[in-house]
C-alpha atoms as a PDB file:
ATOM      1  CA  MET A   1      29.898  23.514  11.751  1.00  0.00           C
ATOM      2  CA  LYS A   2      29.019  24.516   8.421  1.00  0.00           C
ATOM      3  CA  ASN A   3      29.237  20.812   7.055  1.00  0.00           C
ATOM      4  CA  LEU A   4      27.387  19.754  10.618  1.00  0.00           C
ATOM      5  CA  ILE A   5      24.030  21.221   8.856  1.00  0.00           C
ATOM      6  CA  VAL A   6      25.092  20.480   5.672  1.00  0.00           C
ATOM      7  CA  ALA A   7      24.841  16.437   7.009  1.00  0.00           C
ATOM      8  CA  ILE A   8      21.886  16.906   9.663  1.00  0.00           C
ATOM      9  CA  ILE A   9      19.644  18.682   6.418  1.00  0.00           C
ATOM     10  CA  VAL A  10      21.029  15.472   4.059  1.00  0.00           C
ATOM     11  CA  GLY A  11      20.058  13.098   6.794  1.00  0.00           C
ATOM     12  CA  ILE A  12      16.347  14.474   7.550  1.00  0.00           C
ATOM     13  CA  ALA A  13      15.732  14.559   3.531  1.00  0.00           C
ATOM     14  CA  VAL A  14      16.779  10.669   4.040  1.00  0.00           C
ATOM     15  CA  LEU A  15      15.017   9.898   6.521  1.00  0.00           C
ATOM     16  CA  ALA A  16      11.684  11.708   6.092  1.00  0.00           C
ATOM     17  CA  PRO A  17      10.372   9.608   3.240  1.00  0.00           C
ATOM     18  CA  LEU A  18      10.690   6.615   5.529  1.00  0.00           C
ATOM     19  CA  ASN A  19       7.322   8.109   7.776  1.00  0.00           C
ATOM     20  CA  LEU A  20       5.395   8.810   3.965  1.00  0.00           C
ATOM     21  CA  THR A  21       5.538   4.252   3.958  1.00  0.00           C
ATOM     22  CA  ASN A  22       3.711   3.337   6.919  1.00  0.00           C
ATOM     23  CA  ALA A  23       0.217   3.803   6.333  1.00  0.00           C
ATOM     24  CA  TYR A  24      -0.876   4.187   9.858  1.00  0.00           C
ATOM     25  CA  LEU A  25       0.989   7.260  10.158  1.00  0.00           C
ATOM     26  CA  ARG A  26      -1.759   8.294   7.134  1.00  0.00           C
ATOM     27  CA  CYS A  27      -5.072   7.034   8.798  1.00  0.00           C
ATOM     28  CA  SER A  28      -8.003   8.814   9.798  1.00  0.00           C
ATOM     29  CA  GLU A  29      -9.943   6.635  12.401  1.00  0.00           C
ATOM     30  CA  PHE A  30      -8.169   5.636  15.910  1.00  0.00           C
ATOM     31  CA  ASP A  31      -9.011   3.674  18.948  1.00  0.00           C
ATOM     32  CA  THR A  32      -8.594   5.125  22.389  1.00  0.00           C
ATOM     33  CA  VAL A  33      -6.858   2.457  24.575  1.00  0.00           C
ATOM     34  CA  VAL A  34      -6.263   2.724  28.326  1.00  0.00           C
ATOM     35  CA  ILE A  35      -2.566   1.804  28.933  1.00  0.00           C
ATOM     36  CA  HIS A  36      -2.476  -1.261  32.092  1.00  0.00           C
ATOM     37  CA  TYR A  37       0.255  -2.368  34.058  1.00  0.00           C
ATOM     38  CA  GLY A  38       3.008  -3.462  32.500  1.00  0.00           C
ATOM     39  CA  ASP A  39       1.623  -3.164  29.137  1.00  0.00           C
ATOM     40  CA  SER A  40       4.367  -1.660  26.517  1.00  0.00           C
ATOM     41  CA  VAL A  41       3.429   0.157  22.849  1.00  0.00           C
ATOM     42  CA  GLU A  42       4.362  -3.300  21.292  1.00  0.00           C
ATOM     43  CA  ASN A  43       2.253  -5.703  22.924  1.00  0.00           C
ATOM     44  CA  ILE A  44      -0.812  -2.788  22.331  1.00  0.00           C
ATOM     45  CA  ALA A  45       0.777  -3.024  18.702  1.00  0.00           C
ATOM     46  CA  SER A  46       0.279  -7.011  18.629  1.00  0.00           C
ATOM     47  CA  ARG A  47      -3.351  -7.069  19.118  1.00  0.00           C
ATOM     48  CA  TYR A  48      -4.232  -5.615  16.212  1.00  0.00           C
ATOM     49  CA  THR A  49      -2.227  -7.191  13.893  1.00  0.00           C
ATOM     50  CA  ASP A  50       0.049 -10.974  13.962  1.00  0.00           C
ATOM     51  CA  ASP A  51       2.493  -9.054  11.081  1.00  0.00           C
ATOM     52  CA  LYS A  52       6.047  -8.555  12.523  1.00  0.00           C
ATOM     53  CA  ASP A  53       6.037  -6.399  10.106  1.00  0.00           C
ATOM     54  CA  GLU A  54       2.758  -3.940  10.789  1.00  0.00           C
ATOM     55  CA  VAL A  55       3.163  -4.241  14.450  1.00  0.00           C
ATOM     56  CA  ARG A  56       6.698  -2.407  14.260  1.00  0.00           C
ATOM     57  CA  GLU A  57       5.225  -0.062  12.276  1.00  0.00           C
ATOM     58  CA  LEU A  58       2.441   0.556  13.747  1.00  0.00           C
ATOM     59  CA  THR A  59       4.514   0.479  16.995  1.00  0.00           C
ATOM     60  CA  GLU A  60       6.526   3.237  15.582  1.00  0.00           C
ATOM     61  CA  ALA A  61       2.998   5.388  14.597  1.00  0.00           C
ATOM     62  CA  ILE A  62       2.264   4.825  17.842  1.00  0.00           C
ATOM     63  CA  ILE A  63       4.907   6.540  19.315  1.00  0.00           C
ATOM     64  CA  GLU A  64       4.856   9.469  17.102  1.00  0.00           C
ATOM     65  CA  ILE A  65       1.052   9.920  17.126  1.00  0.00           C
ATOM     66  CA  ASN A  66       1.582   9.825  20.931  1.00  0.00           C
ATOM     67  CA  ASP A  67       4.726  12.347  21.242  1.00  0.00           C
ATOM     68  CA  ILE A  68       5.262   9.353  23.511  1.00  0.00           C
ATOM     69  CA  LYS A  69       9.146  10.343  25.098  1.00  0.00           C
ATOM     70  CA  ASN A  70      10.034   7.297  26.274  1.00  0.00           C
ATOM     71  CA  PRO A  71       7.771   4.048  24.670  1.00  0.00           C
ATOM     72  CA  THR A  72       9.636   1.986  27.801  1.00  0.00           C
ATOM     73  CA  LYS A  73       8.153   4.005  30.774  1.00  0.00           C
ATOM     74  CA  LEU A  74       4.171   3.736  30.084  1.00  0.00           C
ATOM     75  CA  LYS A  75       2.086   4.725  32.848  1.00  0.00           C
ATOM     76  CA  ALA A  76      -0.715   3.263  33.540  1.00  0.00           C
ATOM     77  CA  GLY A  77      -3.945   4.644  33.092  1.00  0.00           C
ATOM     78  CA  LYS A  78      -2.891   7.014  30.403  1.00  0.00           C
ATOM     79  CA  LYS A  79      -4.983   7.039  27.491  1.00  0.00           C
ATOM     80  CA  ILE A  80      -3.105   6.857  23.975  1.00  0.00           C
ATOM     81  CA  GLN A  81      -4.701   7.166  20.747  1.00  0.00           C
ATOM     82  CA  VAL A  82      -3.982   3.951  18.134  1.00  0.00           C
ATOM     83  CA  PRO A  83      -4.363   4.185  14.684  1.00  0.00           C
ATOM     84  CA  VAL A  84      -6.691   1.944  12.674  1.00  0.00           C
ATOM     85  CA  LEU A  85      -6.777   0.778   9.188  1.00  0.00           C
ATOM     86  CA  ALA A  86      -9.342   1.158   7.148  1.00  0.00           C
ATOM     87  CA  LYS A  87     -10.547  -2.681   6.278  1.00  0.00           C
ATOM     88  CA  GLU A  88     -11.403  -4.165   2.799  1.00  0.00           C
ATOM     89  CA  LYS A  89     -14.685  -4.806   2.470  1.00  0.00           C
ATOM     90  CA  ARG A  90     -15.048  -8.714   2.068  1.00  0.00           C
ATOM     91  CA  ASP A  91     -18.264  -8.676   0.988  1.00  0.00           C
ATOM     92  CA  VAL A  92     -18.739  -8.241  -2.524  1.00  0.00           C
ATOM     93  CA  GLN A  93     -22.203  -8.748  -4.224  1.00  0.00           C
ATOM     94  CA  VAL A  94     -22.681 -10.777  -7.255  1.00  0.00           C
ATOM     95  CA  ALA A  95     -25.230 -10.246 -10.081  1.00  0.00           C
ATOM     96  CA  VAL A  96     -27.456 -13.139 -10.492  1.00  0.00           C
ATOM     97  CA  ARG A  97     -28.662 -13.510 -13.984  1.00  0.00           C
END
């Protein structure tokens, strides 16, 4: 029993830092999305990015942020929060002499 408890604690300690690398879990901006019939967390995430790694990270973040117990059974009409990464400023002003 003692070994099991130690194994669980070690497992949590090893896996906990993985969330720190997911930028979506550190977001402060969110979109509210209404789930439609046939939607999945992954296809909602894919509306926000084309990058496969980012889709995976956003999918994980949506599930965690919204405390979704069963991501395969989303209820149509339910509203969920989707974290949105702040876009980098692309407009750069250049000084003119």
